[in-house]
Amino acid sequence: MTKTTSRRAFVVGAAGALATPFVALGQASRPKVRFAVDWVWQGNHSIWTYAEDTGIFAGENVEPQLSRGYGSADNLTKLAGGALEMALVDPNLLTKFNQDNAAAKAISTCIVYDAAPSSVVFLKSSGIKTLKDLEGRTLAISEGDATWPLFQVLCRINNVDLKKIKIENMSGQLRDSMVIQKRVDASLGFFVTAVINISAAGVPRDQIDYLQFNKNGLALYSLSLVCRQDYAASNPEAVGGFVRGTVKGVKAMLANKSAAIDSLLKRDNLLKHDIESERNDLIIEGSLLTPWVREHGLSTVDPKRFEDTTGLVAEAFGVTKKPAMADIYTDRFLPPQTDRMLT
């Protein structure tokens, strides 16, 4: 029998935290911008640490206050409550979030990762080669993680019978170890996290594989710079400065990857340079420098792709109205396209 789990709402309402809307920042020369990345400090976050350490953000007249994150849902809740000004968030969650939090609607201002790193991760010894091979297998998931509802959309697109997959719900910290111990056949997560974690535990890299959602019919955009819509309206200089600083940070990181990782290690001295460098290279290859970005530049968004994929996700969350791109994404704070070319 398939073990089923109840799916709680992924993006929780934050109405209780909405005491007051944001007000415009004063005329201070460098407004503070509290910003959280999506998860624990990892190699790809060197974009922001390096931009801060090298004065890129200061040159854009903003003072970032960087912190680790606890997932996109948590970042959205903190944005809604005013604990953050900007955060790294999966834009596919915004339609549902805005529907549930009308007083604190959020907007994406820059798509950092063109291809979502969401993946099914497994050992090659499992015999899994396609999504259809998951039928009859055991899959580790975390209900509060964005990959779970997205995976359900992926199954529908690929005619995979979800009822034939035994689902084991657990914390994100346990998923990789369950794969290593072969107590599950596969797990859901970001390949940039899971592959490196499994390899660091002693599994040879060539024995680990993954099926990225974006390469299996669900061409999702991924983590983006998100803020509240009212904050963006009241503080355009701060938002624009942070977006420009991020774009320049991406370029600086690509040109000086080792030095960028050095800046990251200052935030967490338990991190290892070689591991985080490999992690960074993985996400650069799989999510950042996609063929589209190489040709069109960072955050040059295809409206049809954006609305098609966010619409699929919105449907999975029970949102009946298909989202319009303008409702959850704006390019008004981006530098010109020529300044966003990365290669």
C-alpha atoms as a PDB file:
ATOM      1  CA  MET A   1       0.000   0.000   0.000  1.00  0.00           C
ATOM      2  CA  THR A   2       1.105   3.523  -0.658  1.00  0.00           C
ATOM      3  CA  LYS A   3       1.748   5.477   2.503  1.00  0.00           C
ATOM      4  CA  THR A   4      -0.054   8.794   2.176  1.00  0.00           C
ATOM      5  CA  THR A   5       0.553  11.969   4.068  1.00  0.00           C
ATOM      6  CA  SER A   6      -1.667  14.942   4.725  1.00  0.00           C
ATOM      7  CA  ARG A   7      -0.367  18.014   2.922  1.00  0.00           C
ATOM      8  CA  ARG A   8      -0.505  21.118   5.044  1.00  0.00           C
ATOM      9  CA  ALA A   9      -0.477  24.504   3.360  1.00  0.00           C
ATOM     10  CA  PHE A  10       3.057  25.288   2.302  1.00  0.00           C
ATOM     11  CA  VAL A  11       2.873  29.044   2.516  1.00  0.00           C
ATOM     12  CA  VAL A  12       1.366  29.924   5.849  1.00  0.00           C
ATOM     13  CA  GLY A  13      -0.698  33.048   6.318  1.00  0.00           C
ATOM     14  CA  ALA A  14       1.099  35.871   7.994  1.00  0.00           C
ATOM     15  CA  ALA A  15      -1.832  38.126   8.752  1.00  0.00           C
ATOM     16  CA  GLY A  16      -1.130  38.078  12.467  1.00  0.00           C
ATOM     17  CA  ALA A  17       2.282  39.612  11.880  1.00  0.00           C
ATOM     18  CA  LEU A  18       1.037  42.515   9.804  1.00  0.00           C
ATOM     19  CA  ALA A  19       1.015  45.272  12.336  1.00  0.00           C
ATOM     20  CA  THR A  20       1.925  48.159  10.049  1.00  0.00           C
ATOM     21  CA  PRO A  21       2.953  48.600   6.426  1.00  0.00           C
ATOM     22  CA  PHE A  22       6.465  49.639   5.523  1.00  0.00           C
ATOM     23  CA  VAL A  23       7.189  53.328   5.482  1.00  0.00           C
ATOM     24  CA  ALA A  24       9.696  55.067   3.282  1.00  0.00           C
ATOM     25  CA  LEU A  25      13.281  55.057   4.413  1.00  0.00           C
ATOM     26  CA  GLY A  26      14.752  58.352   5.498  1.00  0.00           C
ATOM     27  CA  GLN A  27      17.333  60.291   3.596  1.00  0.00           C
ATOM     28  CA  ALA A  28      20.280  58.395   5.083  1.00  0.00           C
ATOM     29  CA  SER A  29      23.031  57.971   2.532  1.00  0.00           C
ATOM     30  CA  ARG A  30      23.089  54.180   2.884  1.00  0.00           C
ATOM     31  CA  PRO A  31      19.756  52.631   3.849  1.00  0.00           C
ATOM     32  CA  LYS A  32      20.003  49.317   5.678  1.00  0.00           C
ATOM     33  CA  VAL A  33      18.481  46.339   3.872  1.00  0.00           C
ATOM     34  CA  ARG A  34      17.924  43.241   5.987  1.00  0.00           C
ATOM     35  CA  PHE A  35      18.305  40.304   3.600  1.00  0.00           C
ATOM     36  CA  ALA A  36      18.149  36.541   4.156  1.00  0.00           C
ATOM     37  CA  VAL A  37      19.369  33.882   1.755  1.00  0.00           C
ATOM     38  CA  ASP A  38      17.220  30.802   1.327  1.00  0.00           C
ATOM     39  CA  TRP A  39      18.954  28.363   3.678  1.00  0.00           C
ATOM     40  CA  VAL A  40      22.149  27.767   5.665  1.00  0.00           C
ATOM     41  CA  TRP A  41      25.246  29.455   4.262  1.00  0.00           C
ATOM     42  CA  GLN A  42      26.400  27.601   1.140  1.00  0.00           C
ATOM     43  CA  GLY A  43      28.749  28.222  -1.769  1.00  0.00           C
ATOM     44  CA  ASN A  44      26.203  29.918  -4.009  1.00  0.00           C
ATOM     45  CA  HIS A  45      25.524  32.545  -1.340  1.00  0.00           C
ATOM     46  CA  SER A  46      29.014  33.920  -1.954  1.00  0.00           C
ATOM     47  CA  ILE A  47      27.314  36.229  -4.476  1.00  0.00           C
ATOM     48  CA  TRP A  48      26.097  38.374  -1.571  1.00  0.00           C
ATOM     49  CA  THR A  49      28.961  37.941   0.891  1.00  0.00           C
ATOM     50  CA  TYR A  50      31.515  38.865  -1.760  1.00  0.00           C
ATOM     51  CA  ALA A  51      29.465  41.845  -2.924  1.00  0.00           C
ATOM     52  CA  GLU A  52      29.332  43.097   0.644  1.00  0.00           C
ATOM     53  CA  ASP A  53      33.012  42.483   1.430  1.00  0.00           C
ATOM     54  CA  THR A  54      34.277  44.110  -1.764  1.00  0.00           C
ATOM     55  CA  GLY A  55      32.156  47.236  -1.363  1.00  0.00           C
ATOM     56  CA  ILE A  56      29.818  46.545  -4.274  1.00  0.00           C
ATOM     57  CA  PHE A  57      26.706  47.190  -2.200  1.00  0.00           C
ATOM     58  CA  ALA A  58      28.250  50.275  -0.655  1.00  0.00           C
ATOM     59  CA  GLY A  59      28.893  51.535  -4.177  1.00  0.00           C
ATOM     60  CA  GLU A  60      25.179  51.129  -4.861  1.00  0.00           C
ATOM     61  CA  ASN A  61      24.382  53.170  -1.756  1.00  0.00           C
ATOM     62  CA  VAL A  62      22.881  50.355   0.335  1.00  0.00           C
ATOM     63  CA  GLU A  63      24.035  48.668   3.520  1.00  0.00           C
ATOM     64  CA  PRO A  64      23.012  45.012   3.504  1.00  0.00           C
ATOM     65  CA  GLN A  65      22.498  43.077   6.705  1.00  0.00           C
ATOM     66  CA  LEU A  66      22.941  39.512   5.498  1.00  0.00           C
ATOM     67  CA  SER A  67      21.669  36.438   7.307  1.00  0.00           C
ATOM     68  CA  ARG A  68      21.095  32.771   6.632  1.00  0.00           C
ATOM     69  CA  GLY A  69      17.547  31.668   5.861  1.00  0.00           C
ATOM     70  CA  TYR A  70      15.180  28.875   6.841  1.00  0.00           C
ATOM     71  CA  GLY A  71      13.436  28.319   3.525  1.00  0.00           C
ATOM     72  CA  SER A  72      11.293  30.373   1.180  1.00  0.00           C
ATOM     73  CA  ALA A  73       8.141  30.033   3.285  1.00  0.00           C
ATOM     74  CA  ASP A  74       9.901  31.340   6.376  1.00  0.00           C
ATOM     75  CA  ASN A  75      11.421  34.214   4.407  1.00  0.00           C
ATOM     76  CA  LEU A  76       7.993  35.202   3.112  1.00  0.00           C
ATOM     77  CA  THR A  77       6.555  35.187   6.611  1.00  0.00           C
ATOM     78  CA  LYS A  78       9.397  37.405   7.835  1.00  0.00           C
ATOM     79  CA  LEU A  79       8.946  39.779   4.910  1.00  0.00           C
ATOM     80  CA  ALA A  80       5.259  40.012   5.710  1.00  0.00           C
ATOM     81  CA  GLY A  81       5.943  40.760   9.362  1.00  0.00           C
ATOM     82  CA  GLY A  82       8.603  43.376   8.630  1.00  0.00           C
ATOM     83  CA  ALA A  83      11.552  41.346   9.978  1.00  0.00           C
ATOM     84  CA  LEU A  84      13.242  41.502   6.555  1.00  0.00           C
ATOM     85  CA  GLU A  85      13.280  44.037   3.754  1.00  0.00           C
ATOM     86  CA  MET A  86      14.362  41.590   1.038  1.00  0.00           C
ATOM     87  CA  ALA A  87      14.937  37.853   0.807  1.00  0.00           C
ATOM     88  CA  LEU A  88      15.843  35.019  -1.526  1.00  0.00           C
ATOM     89  CA  VAL A  89      12.521  33.321  -2.302  1.00  0.00           C
ATOM     90  CA  ASP A  90      11.085  30.864  -4.803  1.00  0.00           C
ATOM     91  CA  PRO A  91       8.860  33.081  -7.037  1.00  0.00           C
ATOM     92  CA  ASN A  92       6.534  30.178  -7.768  1.00  0.00           C
ATOM     93  CA  LEU A  93       5.127  30.574  -4.256  1.00  0.00           C
ATOM     94  CA  LEU A  94       4.093  34.202  -4.616  1.00  0.00           C
ATOM     95  CA  THR A  95       0.663  33.733  -6.202  1.00  0.00           C
ATOM     96  CA  LYS A  96      -0.576  31.612  -3.310  1.00  0.00           C
ATOM     97  CA  PHE A  97       1.145  33.819  -0.747  1.00  0.00           C
ATOM     98  CA  ASN A  98      -0.359  37.017  -2.150  1.00  0.00           C
ATOM     99  CA  GLN A  99      -3.799  35.459  -2.243  1.00  0.00           C
ATOM    100  CA  ASP A 100      -3.517  34.594   1.448  1.00  0.00           C
ATOM    101  CA  ASN A 101      -1.776  37.815   2.536  1.00  0.00           C
ATOM    102  CA  ALA A 102      -3.476  40.684   0.745  1.00  0.00           C
ATOM    103  CA  ALA A 103      -2.073  43.248   3.189  1.00  0.00           C
ATOM    104  CA  ALA A 104       1.522  42.190   2.581  1.00  0.00           C
ATOM    105  CA  LYS A 105       1.717  41.202  -1.065  1.00  0.00           C
ATOM    106  CA  ALA A 106       5.206  40.326  -2.270  1.00  0.00           C
ATOM    107  CA  ILE A 107       6.932  40.828  -5.597  1.00  0.00           C
ATOM    108  CA  SER A 108      10.002  39.365  -7.277  1.00  0.00           C
ATOM    109  CA  THR A 109      12.474  41.982  -8.492  1.00  0.00           C
ATOM    110  CA  CYS A 110      15.255  39.829  -9.985  1.00  0.00           C
ATOM    111  CA  ILE A 111      15.361  36.144 -10.954  1.00  0.00           C
ATOM    112  CA  VAL A 112      18.798  35.001  -9.812  1.00  0.00           C
ATOM    113  CA  TYR A 113      18.540  31.354 -10.880  1.00  0.00           C
ATOM    114  CA  ASP A 114      17.071  30.671 -14.294  1.00  0.00           C
ATOM    115  CA  ALA A 115      16.588  26.944 -13.664  1.00  0.00           C
ATOM    116  CA  ALA A 116      15.294  25.605 -10.372  1.00  0.00           C
ATOM    117  CA  PRO A 117      17.705  23.193  -8.632  1.00  0.00           C
ATOM    118  CA  SER A 118      14.731  21.162  -7.376  1.00  0.00           C
ATOM    119  CA  SER A 119      15.506  17.507  -8.045  1.00  0.00           C
ATOM    120  CA  VAL A 120      14.940  13.874  -7.228  1.00  0.00           C
ATOM    121  CA  VAL A 121      18.254  12.635  -5.791  1.00  0.00           C
ATOM    122  CA  PHE A 122      19.290   8.992  -5.558  1.00  0.00           C
ATOM    123  CA  LEU A 123      22.166   6.535  -5.689  1.00  0.00           C
ATOM    124  CA  LYS A 124      22.810   4.929  -9.057  1.00  0.00           C
ATOM    125  CA  SER A 125      22.651   1.534  -7.355  1.00  0.00           C
ATOM    126  CA  SER A 126      18.906   2.119  -6.878  1.00  0.00           C
ATOM    127  CA  GLY A 127      18.369   1.497 -10.580  1.00  0.00           C
ATOM    128  CA  ILE A 128      16.389   4.720 -10.981  1.00  0.00           C
ATOM    129  CA  LYS A 129      16.873   6.317 -14.382  1.00  0.00           C
ATOM    130  CA  THR A 130      13.573   8.076 -15.077  1.00  0.00           C
ATOM    131  CA  LEU A 131      10.755   9.597 -13.057  1.00  0.00           C
ATOM    132  CA  LYS A 132       8.539   6.647 -13.965  1.00  0.00           C
ATOM    133  CA  ASP A 133      11.026   4.410 -12.127  1.00  0.00           C
ATOM    134  CA  LEU A 134       9.915   5.984  -8.852  1.00  0.00           C
ATOM    135  CA  GLU A 135       6.681   4.016  -8.960  1.00  0.00           C
ATOM    136  CA  GLY A 136       6.962   1.189  -6.451  1.00  0.00           C
ATOM    137  CA  ARG A 137       9.847   2.962  -4.658  1.00  0.00           C
ATOM    138  CA  THR A 138      10.169   4.893  -1.395  1.00  0.00           C
ATOM    139  CA  LEU A 139      10.695   8.658  -1.581  1.00  0.00           C
ATOM    140  CA  ALA A 140      11.826  10.921   1.270  1.00  0.00           C
ATOM    141  CA  ILE A 141      10.147  14.327   1.291  1.00  0.00           C
ATOM    142  CA  SER A 142       9.611  17.260   3.635  1.00  0.00           C
ATOM    143  CA  GLU A 143       6.043  18.523   3.464  1.00  0.00           C
ATOM    144  CA  GLY A 144       7.061  22.087   4.290  1.00  0.00           C
ATOM    145  CA  ASP A 145       9.626  22.198   1.485  1.00  0.00           C
ATOM    146  CA  ALA A 146       8.750  23.729  -1.891  1.00  0.00           C
ATOM    147  CA  THR A 147       9.998  20.663  -3.751  1.00  0.00           C
ATOM    148  CA  TRP A 148       7.058  18.566  -2.515  1.00  0.00           C
ATOM    149  CA  PRO A 149       4.144  20.426  -4.141  1.00  0.00           C
ATOM    150  CA  LEU A 150       6.312  21.021  -7.216  1.00  0.00           C
ATOM    151  CA  PHE A 151       7.022  17.294  -7.439  1.00  0.00           C
ATOM    152  CA  GLN A 152       3.296  16.589  -7.527  1.00  0.00           C
ATOM    153  CA  VAL A 153       3.023  18.889 -10.555  1.00  0.00           C
ATOM    154  CA  LEU A 154       6.011  17.111 -12.110  1.00  0.00           C
ATOM    155  CA  CYS A 155       4.344  13.728 -11.671  1.00  0.00           C
ATOM    156  CA  ARG A 156       1.198  14.943 -13.408  1.00  0.00           C
ATOM    157  CA  ILE A 157       3.210  16.276 -16.357  1.00  0.00           C
ATOM    158  CA  ASN A 158       5.131  13.000 -16.712  1.00  0.00           C
ATOM    159  CA  ASN A 159       2.195  10.617 -16.113  1.00  0.00           C
ATOM    160  CA  VAL A 160       3.753   9.257 -12.933  1.00  0.00           C
ATOM    161  CA  ASP A 161       1.223   7.706 -10.550  1.00  0.00           C
ATOM    162  CA  LEU A 162       1.953   9.370  -7.213  1.00  0.00           C
ATOM    163  CA  LYS A 163      -0.195   6.791  -5.439  1.00  0.00           C
ATOM    164  CA  LYS A 164       2.319   4.122  -6.413  1.00  0.00           C
ATOM    165  CA  ILE A 165       5.164   5.930  -4.632  1.00  0.00           C
ATOM    166  CA  LYS A 166       5.611   5.297  -0.917  1.00  0.00           C
ATOM    167  CA  ILE A 167       6.075   8.715   0.665  1.00  0.00           C
ATOM    168  CA  GLU A 168       8.120   9.149   3.838  1.00  0.00           C
ATOM    169  CA  ASN A 169       7.820  12.602   5.391  1.00  0.00           C
ATOM    170  CA  MET A 170      10.795  13.776   7.454  1.00  0.00           C
ATOM    171  CA  SER A 171      12.927  16.794   8.263  1.00  0.00           C
ATOM    172  CA  GLY A 172      15.215  18.120   5.550  1.00  0.00           C
ATOM    173  CA  GLN A 173      18.257  17.242   7.645  1.00  0.00           C
ATOM    174  CA  LEU A 174      17.388  13.524   7.492  1.00  0.00           C
ATOM    175  CA  ARG A 175      16.616  13.076   3.799  1.00  0.00           C
ATOM    176  CA  ASP A 176      20.191  12.728   2.550  1.00  0.00           C
ATOM    177  CA  SER A 177      21.215  10.305   5.301  1.00  0.00           C
ATOM    178  CA  MET A 178      18.204   8.113   4.526  1.00  0.00           C
ATOM    179  CA  VAL A 179      19.374   7.863   0.914  1.00  0.00           C
ATOM    180  CA  ILE A 180      22.928   7.023   2.019  1.00  0.00           C
ATOM    181  CA  GLN A 181      21.645   4.314   4.350  1.00  0.00           C
ATOM    182  CA  LYS A 182      19.364   2.999   1.578  1.00  0.00           C
ATOM    183  CA  ARG A 183      16.372   3.286   3.877  1.00  0.00           C
ATOM    184  CA  VAL A 184      14.668   5.164   1.053  1.00  0.00           C
ATOM    185  CA  ASP A 185      15.271   4.909  -2.680  1.00  0.00           C
ATOM    186  CA  ALA A 186      15.355   8.640  -3.396  1.00  0.00           C
ATOM    187  CA  SER A 187      14.714  12.031  -1.858  1.00  0.00           C
ATOM    188  CA  LEU A 188      13.469  15.442  -2.938  1.00  0.00           C
ATOM    189  CA  GLY A 189      15.651  18.507  -2.555  1.00  0.00           C
ATOM    190  CA  PHE A 190      18.057  20.872  -4.246  1.00  0.00           C
ATOM    191  CA  PHE A 191      20.736  18.912  -6.079  1.00  0.00           C
ATOM    192  CA  VAL A 192      23.245  21.582  -5.091  1.00  0.00           C
ATOM    193  CA  THR A 193      22.688  20.641  -1.445  1.00  0.00           C
ATOM    194  CA  ALA A 194      21.956  16.922  -1.568  1.00  0.00           C
ATOM    195  CA  VAL A 195      24.667  15.794  -3.990  1.00  0.00           C
ATOM    196  CA  ILE A 196      27.400  17.571  -2.063  1.00  0.00           C
ATOM    197  CA  ASN A 197      26.122  16.363   1.314  1.00  0.00           C
ATOM    198  CA  ILE A 198      25.950  12.741   0.173  1.00  0.00           C
ATOM    199  CA  SER A 199      29.400  12.977  -1.406  1.00  0.00           C
ATOM    200  CA  ALA A 200      30.853  14.583   1.748  1.00  0.00           C
ATOM    201  CA  ALA A 201      29.533  11.586   3.723  1.00  0.00           C
ATOM    202  CA  GLY A 202      31.816   9.316   1.716  1.00  0.00           C
ATOM    203  CA  VAL A 203      29.709   8.213  -1.252  1.00  0.00           C
ATOM    204  CA  PRO A 204      31.732   8.512  -4.486  1.00  0.00           C
ATOM    205  CA  ARG A 205      30.433  11.356  -6.632  1.00  0.00           C
ATOM    206  CA  ASP A 206      30.033   9.082  -9.660  1.00  0.00           C
ATOM    207  CA  GLN A 207      27.605   6.914  -7.670  1.00  0.00           C
ATOM    208  CA  ILE A 208      25.169   9.792  -7.088  1.00  0.00           C
ATOM    209  CA  ASP A 209      22.618  10.958  -9.629  1.00  0.00           C
ATOM    210  CA  TYR A 210      19.614  13.242  -9.816  1.00  0.00           C
ATOM    211  CA  LEU A 211      16.678  14.171 -12.045  1.00  0.00           C
ATOM    212  CA  GLN A 212      16.324  17.953 -12.159  1.00  0.00           C
ATOM    213  CA  PHE A 213      12.735  19.123 -12.479  1.00  0.00           C
ATOM    214  CA  ASN A 214      13.704  21.662 -15.140  1.00  0.00           C
ATOM    215  CA  LYS A 215      15.064  18.945 -17.401  1.00  0.00           C
ATOM    216  CA  ASN A 216      11.955  16.812 -17.042  1.00  0.00           C
ATOM    217  CA  GLY A 217       9.164  19.051 -18.263  1.00  0.00           C
ATOM    218  CA  LEU A 218       8.774  21.591 -15.456  1.00  0.00           C
ATOM    219  CA  ALA A 219      10.855  24.591 -16.560  1.00  0.00           C
ATOM    220  CA  LEU A 220      10.596  26.536 -13.323  1.00  0.00           C
ATOM    221  CA  TYR A 221      12.302  29.804 -12.631  1.00  0.00           C
ATOM    222  CA  SER A 222      14.004  29.671  -9.263  1.00  0.00           C
ATOM    223  CA  LEU A 223      15.223  31.749  -6.360  1.00  0.00           C
ATOM    224  CA  SER A 224      14.737  35.473  -6.772  1.00  0.00           C
ATOM    225  CA  LEU A 225      15.059  38.725  -4.856  1.00  0.00           C
ATOM    226  CA  VAL A 226      11.671  39.310  -3.252  1.00  0.00           C
ATOM    227  CA  CYS A 227      10.291  42.136  -1.147  1.00  0.00           C
ATOM    228  CA  ARG A 228       6.900  43.467  -0.146  1.00  0.00           C
ATOM    229  CA  GLN A 229       5.171  45.473  -2.836  1.00  0.00           C
ATOM    230  CA  ASP A 230       4.586  48.406  -0.516  1.00  0.00           C
ATOM    231  CA  TYR A 231       8.258  48.416   0.498  1.00  0.00           C
ATOM    232  CA  ALA A 232       9.300  48.543  -3.156  1.00  0.00           C
ATOM    233  CA  ALA A 233       6.913  51.411  -3.828  1.00  0.00           C
ATOM    234  CA  SER A 234       8.153  53.416  -0.830  1.00  0.00           C
ATOM    235  CA  ASN A 235      11.864  52.578  -1.141  1.00  0.00           C
ATOM    236  CA  PRO A 236      12.762  52.300  -4.831  1.00  0.00           C
ATOM    237  CA  GLU A 237      16.346  53.504  -4.295  1.00  0.00           C
ATOM    238  CA  ALA A 238      17.042  50.796  -1.709  1.00  0.00           C
ATOM    239  CA  VAL A 239      15.467  48.050  -3.816  1.00  0.00           C
ATOM    240  CA  GLY A 240      17.199  49.217  -6.986  1.00  0.00           C
ATOM    241  CA  GLY A 241      20.540  49.492  -5.212  1.00  0.00           C
ATOM    242  CA  PHE A 242      20.265  45.999  -3.776  1.00  0.00           C
ATOM    243  CA  VAL A 243      19.239  44.519  -7.137  1.00  0.00           C
ATOM    244  CA  ARG A 244      22.111  46.259  -8.960  1.00  0.00           C
ATOM    245  CA  GLY A 245      24.508  45.166  -6.237  1.00  0.00           C
ATOM    246  CA  THR A 246      23.354  41.564  -6.631  1.00  0.00           C
ATOM    247  CA  VAL A 247      23.834  41.621 -10.410  1.00  0.00           C
ATOM    248  CA  LYS A 248      27.334  43.053  -9.957  1.00  0.00           C
ATOM    249  CA  GLY A 249      27.921  40.492  -7.195  1.00  0.00           C
ATOM    250  CA  VAL A 250      27.092  37.658  -9.583  1.00  0.00           C
ATOM    251  CA  LYS A 251      29.631  38.985 -12.076  1.00  0.00           C
ATOM    252  CA  ALA A 252      32.273  39.483  -9.393  1.00  0.00           C
ATOM    253  CA  MET A 253      31.732  35.976  -8.009  1.00  0.00           C
ATOM    254  CA  LEU A 254      32.059  34.409 -11.473  1.00  0.00           C
ATOM    255  CA  ALA A 255      35.309  36.295 -12.058  1.00  0.00           C
ATOM    256  CA  ASN A 256      36.772  35.496  -8.619  1.00  0.00           C
ATOM    257  CA  LYS A 257      35.163  32.280  -7.401  1.00  0.00           C
ATOM    258  CA  SER A 258      37.853  31.307  -4.888  1.00  0.00           C
ATOM    259  CA  ALA A 259      37.931  34.733  -3.281  1.00  0.00           C
ATOM    260  CA  ALA A 260      34.132  34.761  -3.178  1.00  0.00           C
ATOM    261  CA  ILE A 261      34.134  31.466  -1.261  1.00  0.00           C
ATOM    262  CA  ASP A 262      36.689  32.957   1.145  1.00  0.00           C
ATOM    263  CA  SER A 263      34.184  35.697   1.924  1.00  0.00           C
ATOM    264  CA  LEU A 264      31.512  33.082   2.597  1.00  0.00           C
ATOM    265  CA  LEU A 265      33.706  31.188   5.061  1.00  0.00           C
ATOM    266  CA  LYS A 266      33.831  34.297   7.255  1.00  0.00           C
ATOM    267  CA  ARG A 267      30.119  33.766   7.951  1.00  0.00           C
ATOM    268  CA  ASP A 268      30.534  30.149   9.044  1.00  0.00           C
ATOM    269  CA  ASN A 269      33.976  28.845   9.980  1.00  0.00           C
ATOM    270  CA  LEU A 270      32.759  25.235   9.860  1.00  0.00           C
ATOM    271  CA  LEU A 271      32.402  25.396   6.079  1.00  0.00           C
ATOM    272  CA  LYS A 272      35.120  23.861   3.887  1.00  0.00           C
ATOM    273  CA  HIS A 273      36.502  25.774   0.921  1.00  0.00           C
ATOM    274  CA  ASP A 274      36.702  22.761  -1.399  1.00  0.00           C
ATOM    275  CA  ILE A 275      33.182  21.538  -0.609  1.00  0.00           C
ATOM    276  CA  GLU A 276      31.564  24.949  -1.030  1.00  0.00           C
ATOM    277  CA  SER A 277      33.531  25.590  -4.220  1.00  0.00           C
ATOM    278  CA  GLU A 278      32.181  22.356  -5.686  1.00  0.00           C
ATOM    279  CA  ARG A 279      28.686  23.256  -4.543  1.00  0.00           C
ATOM    280  CA  ASN A 280      28.986  26.671  -6.166  1.00  0.00           C
ATOM    281  CA  ASP A 281      30.218  25.178  -9.429  1.00  0.00           C
ATOM    282  CA  LEU A 282      27.255  22.796  -9.474  1.00  0.00           C
ATOM    283  CA  ILE A 283      24.651  25.533  -9.201  1.00  0.00           C
ATOM    284  CA  ILE A 284      26.493  27.767 -11.666  1.00  0.00           C
ATOM    285  CA  GLU A 285      26.346  24.977 -14.225  1.00  0.00           C
ATOM    286  CA  GLY A 286      22.852  23.718 -13.485  1.00  0.00           C
ATOM    287  CA  SER A 287      20.896  26.824 -12.495  1.00  0.00           C
ATOM    288  CA  LEU A 288      22.728  30.111 -13.019  1.00  0.00           C
ATOM    289  CA  LEU A 289      24.547  30.036 -16.366  1.00  0.00           C
ATOM    290  CA  THR A 290      21.893  28.290 -18.416  1.00  0.00           C
ATOM    291  CA  PRO A 291      21.908  28.581 -22.231  1.00  0.00           C
ATOM    292  CA  TRP A 292      19.117  31.180 -21.941  1.00  0.00           C
ATOM    293  CA  VAL A 293      21.092  33.347 -19.506  1.00  0.00           C
ATOM    294  CA  ARG A 294      24.243  33.080 -21.604  1.00  0.00           C
ATOM    295  CA  GLU A 295      22.292  34.440 -24.551  1.00  0.00           C
ATOM    296  CA  HIS A 296      19.908  36.900 -22.886  1.00  0.00           C
ATOM    297  CA  GLY A 297      21.456  37.891 -19.551  1.00  0.00           C
ATOM    298  CA  LEU A 298      20.461  37.547 -15.920  1.00  0.00           C
ATOM    299  CA  SER A 299      16.740  37.930 -15.105  1.00  0.00           C
ATOM    300  CA  THR A 300      15.649  38.360 -18.708  1.00  0.00           C
ATOM    301  CA  VAL A 301      12.329  36.636 -18.204  1.00  0.00           C
ATOM    302  CA  ASP A 302      10.281  34.899 -20.883  1.00  0.00           C
ATOM    303  CA  PRO A 303       6.685  35.911 -20.008  1.00  0.00           C
ATOM    304  CA  LYS A 304       5.082  32.773 -21.453  1.00  0.00           C
ATOM    305  CA  ARG A 305       7.417  30.425 -19.607  1.00  0.00           C
ATOM    306  CA  PHE A 306       6.956  32.397 -16.398  1.00  0.00           C
ATOM    307  CA  GLU A 307       3.157  32.439 -16.530  1.00  0.00           C
ATOM    308  CA  ASP A 308       2.885  28.809 -17.683  1.00  0.00           C
ATOM    309  CA  THR A 309       5.044  27.437 -14.864  1.00  0.00           C
ATOM    310  CA  THR A 310       3.750  29.692 -12.089  1.00  0.00           C
ATOM    311  CA  GLY A 311       0.249  28.830 -13.284  1.00  0.00           C
ATOM    312  CA  LEU A 312       0.918  25.115 -12.874  1.00  0.00           C
ATOM    313  CA  VAL A 313       2.224  25.676  -9.365  1.00  0.00           C
ATOM    314  CA  ALA A 314      -0.684  27.961  -8.469  1.00  0.00           C
ATOM    315  CA  GLU A 315      -3.076  25.243  -9.610  1.00  0.00           C
ATOM    316  CA  ALA A 316      -1.278  22.744  -7.386  1.00  0.00           C
ATOM    317  CA  PHE A 317      -1.859  25.111  -4.444  1.00  0.00           C
ATOM    318  CA  GLY A 318      -5.550  25.377  -5.251  1.00  0.00           C
ATOM    319  CA  VAL A 319      -5.404  28.888  -6.726  1.00  0.00           C
ATOM    320  CA  THR A 320      -8.098  29.106  -9.384  1.00  0.00           C
ATOM    321  CA  LYS A 321      -6.998  32.321 -11.107  1.00  0.00           C
ATOM    322  CA  LYS A 322      -3.965  31.915 -13.338  1.00  0.00           C
ATOM    323  CA  PRO A 323      -1.334  34.472 -12.269  1.00  0.00           C
ATOM    324  CA  ALA A 324      -0.218  37.282 -14.535  1.00  0.00           C
ATOM    325  CA  MET A 325       3.505  37.936 -14.528  1.00  0.00           C
ATOM    326  CA  ALA A 326       3.005  41.597 -13.606  1.00  0.00           C
ATOM    327  CA  ASP A 327       1.262  40.533 -10.379  1.00  0.00           C
ATOM    328  CA  ILE A 328       4.350  38.819  -8.952  1.00  0.00           C
ATOM    329  CA  TYR A 329       7.356  40.021 -10.962  1.00  0.00           C
ATOM    330  CA  THR A 330       8.715  43.398 -12.037  1.00  0.00           C
ATOM    331  CA  ASP A 331      11.797  44.364 -14.013  1.00  0.00           C
ATOM    332  CA  ARG A 332      11.636  48.060 -13.064  1.00  0.00           C
ATOM    333  CA  PHE A 333      14.594  47.795 -10.661  1.00  0.00           C
ATOM    334  CA  LEU A 334      16.907  45.915 -13.006  1.00  0.00           C
ATOM    335  CA  PRO A 335      19.885  47.542 -14.699  1.00  0.00           C
ATOM    336  CA  PRO A 336      19.861  47.547 -18.537  1.00  0.00           C
ATOM    337  CA  GLN A 337      20.115  44.161 -20.237  1.00  0.00           C
ATOM    338  CA  THR A 338      23.631  44.933 -21.468  1.00  0.00           C
ATOM    339  CA  ASP A 339      24.714  45.246 -17.825  1.00  0.00           C
ATOM    340  CA  ARG A 340      23.154  41.863 -17.030  1.00  0.00           C
ATOM    341  CA  MET A 341      25.093  39.841 -19.590  1.00  0.00           C
ATOM    342  CA  LEU A 342      27.268  37.316 -17.745  1.00  0.00           C
ATOM    343  CA  THR A 343      29.330  35.859 -20.575  1.00  0.00           C
END
